[in-house]
Each structure stands twice: as C-alpha cells, then as structure tokens.
C-alpha atoms as a PDB file:
ATOM      1  CA  UNK A   1       7.346  14.718 -15.312  1.00  0.00           C
ATOM      2  CA  UNK A   2       8.634  11.632 -17.093  1.00  0.00           C
ATOM      3  CA  UNK A   3       7.457   8.170 -16.128  1.00  0.00           C
ATOM      4  CA  UNK A   4      10.906   7.268 -14.765  1.00  0.00           C
ATOM      5  CA  UNK A   5      11.087  10.423 -12.660  1.00  0.00           C
ATOM      6  CA  UNK A   6       7.587   9.837 -11.332  1.00  0.00           C
ATOM      7  CA  UNK A   7       8.368   6.211 -10.448  1.00  0.00           C
ATOM      8  CA  UNK A   8      11.619   6.927  -8.622  1.00  0.00           C
ATOM      9  CA  UNK A   9      11.151  10.372  -7.061  1.00  0.00           C
ATOM     10  CA  UNK A  10      10.024  10.872  -3.486  1.00  0.00           C
ATOM     11  CA  UNK A  11       6.335  11.777  -3.196  1.00  0.00           C
ATOM     12  CA  UNK A  12       5.495  13.185   0.230  1.00  0.00           C
ATOM     13  CA  UNK A  13       1.879  13.094   1.375  1.00  0.00           C
ATOM     14  CA  UNK A  14       1.541  16.857   1.236  1.00  0.00           C
ATOM     15  CA  UNK A  15      -2.197  17.061   1.917  1.00  0.00           C
ATOM     16  CA  UNK A  16      -4.416  15.835   4.710  1.00  0.00           C
ATOM     17  CA  UNK A  17      -6.499  13.907   2.162  1.00  0.00           C
ATOM     18  CA  UNK A  18      -3.483  11.977   0.924  1.00  0.00           C
ATOM     19  CA  UNK A  19      -2.256  11.267   4.445  1.00  0.00           C
ATOM     20  CA  UNK A  20      -5.734   9.976   5.320  1.00  0.00           C
ATOM     21  CA  UNK A  21      -5.824   7.845   2.165  1.00  0.00           C
ATOM     22  CA  UNK A  22      -2.455   6.282   3.009  1.00  0.00           C
ATOM     23  CA  UNK A  23      -3.603   5.548   6.547  1.00  0.00           C
ATOM     24  CA  UNK A  24      -6.846   4.007   5.302  1.00  0.00           C
ATOM     25  CA  UNK A  25      -4.943   1.707   2.943  1.00  0.00           C
ATOM     26  CA  UNK A  26      -2.571   0.659   5.737  1.00  0.00           C
ATOM     27  CA  UNK A  27      -5.462  -0.026   8.128  1.00  0.00           C
ATOM     28  CA  UNK A  28      -7.371  -2.120   5.592  1.00  0.00           C
ATOM     29  CA  UNK A  29      -4.331  -4.160   4.634  1.00  0.00           C
ATOM     30  CA  UNK A  30      -3.375  -4.673   8.260  1.00  0.00           C
ATOM     31  CA  UNK A  31      -6.885  -5.923   9.034  1.00  0.00           C
ATOM     32  CA  UNK A  32      -6.644  -8.436   6.180  1.00  0.00           C
ATOM     33  CA  UNK A  33      -3.168  -9.526   7.303  1.00  0.00           C
ATOM     34  CA  UNK A  34      -4.400 -10.077  10.868  1.00  0.00           C
ATOM     35  CA  UNK A  35      -7.351 -12.088   9.533  1.00  0.00           C
ATOM     36  CA  UNK A  36      -5.032 -14.265   7.443  1.00  0.00           C
ATOM     37  CA  UNK A  37      -2.669 -14.678  10.396  1.00  0.00           C
ATOM     38  CA  UNK A  38      -5.545 -16.022  12.480  1.00  0.00           C
ATOM     39  CA  UNK A  39      -7.231 -18.226   9.853  1.00  0.00           C
ATOM     40  CA  UNK A  40      -4.511 -19.656   7.599  1.00  0.00           C
ATOM     41  CA  UNK A  41      -2.227 -22.492   8.669  1.00  0.00           C
ATOM     42  CA  UNK A  42       1.486 -21.795   8.925  1.00  0.00           C
ATOM     43  CA  UNK A  43       3.401 -22.536   5.766  1.00  0.00           C
ATOM     44  CA  UNK A  44       4.776 -21.206   2.536  1.00  0.00           C
ATOM     45  CA  UNK A  45       1.337 -20.321   1.196  1.00  0.00           C
ATOM     46  CA  UNK A  46       0.523 -18.199   4.251  1.00  0.00           C
ATOM     47  CA  UNK A  47       3.854 -16.417   3.991  1.00  0.00           C
ATOM     48  CA  UNK A  48       3.192 -15.685   0.314  1.00  0.00           C
ATOM     49  CA  UNK A  49      -0.344 -14.474   1.037  1.00  0.00           C
ATOM     50  CA  UNK A  50       0.955 -12.047   3.669  1.00  0.00           C
ATOM     51  CA  UNK A  51       3.688 -10.873   1.295  1.00  0.00           C
ATOM     52  CA  UNK A  52       1.088 -10.196  -1.407  1.00  0.00           C
ATOM     53  CA  UNK A  53      -1.042  -8.154   1.020  1.00  0.00           C
ATOM     54  CA  UNK A  54       2.068  -6.155   1.882  1.00  0.00           C
ATOM     55  CA  UNK A  55       2.808  -5.657  -1.822  1.00  0.00           C
ATOM     56  CA  UNK A  56      -0.782  -4.541  -2.436  1.00  0.00           C
ATOM     57  CA  UNK A  57      -0.411  -1.985   0.354  1.00  0.00           C
ATOM     58  CA  UNK A  58       2.804  -0.627  -1.144  1.00  0.00           C
ATOM     59  CA  UNK A  59       1.376  -0.380  -4.660  1.00  0.00           C
ATOM     60  CA  UNK A  60      -1.883   1.202  -3.487  1.00  0.00           C
ATOM     61  CA  UNK A  61       0.049   3.799  -1.520  1.00  0.00           C
ATOM     62  CA  UNK A  62       2.337   4.387  -4.511  1.00  0.00           C
ATOM     63  CA  UNK A  63      -0.736   5.053  -6.645  1.00  0.00           C
ATOM     64  CA  UNK A  64      -1.914   7.645  -4.144  1.00  0.00           C
ATOM     65  CA  UNK A  65       1.524   9.230  -3.821  1.00  0.00           C
ATOM     66  CA  UNK A  66       2.244   9.351  -7.540  1.00  0.00           C
ATOM     67  CA  UNK A  67      -1.047  10.871  -8.649  1.00  0.00           C
ATOM     68  CA  UNK A  68      -0.934  14.236 -10.300  1.00  0.00           C
ATOM     69  CA  UNK A  69      -1.728  17.175  -8.019  1.00  0.00           C
ATOM     70  CA  UNK A  70      -4.562  18.238 -10.301  1.00  0.00           C
ATOM     71  CA  UNK A  71      -6.528  15.014  -9.721  1.00  0.00           C
END
C-alpha cells in the first residue's frame, strides 16, 4: 500500500486488540482533558492545550489504525 493510500483510506478496528487500544487512548486523553479543564484558567492557552490533547488522541489512534496487520 502506498503512503498516500494508507494515510487516506479507512482503517476499521478489525480486532479486539485494536479496539481496546483505541479505547485506552481515548480514556487516557479524556482523563488529561478533564484534568486540564479543572486546573487551567479559562483562556486561549487552555483552549489550545485541549486542542492539542485532542490532536494527540487523533494521531495516536491513526497510528494504531494504520499499522500493518503483520505487526
């Protein structure tokens, strides 16, 4: 598979291990986001921090989804 195809194709979580990995990433990122929500004052910086946690979640899940089946 080419890099472009891999980056833009749909990658379903076809195994229980991958589904569990996605869920674990979401749970960890959500916990961090809730912590930041409670501890950081409202403002642009907080909004950016929460956006970056969301981006980290997306990229981590993309890494799981895009991995080769043989790994």
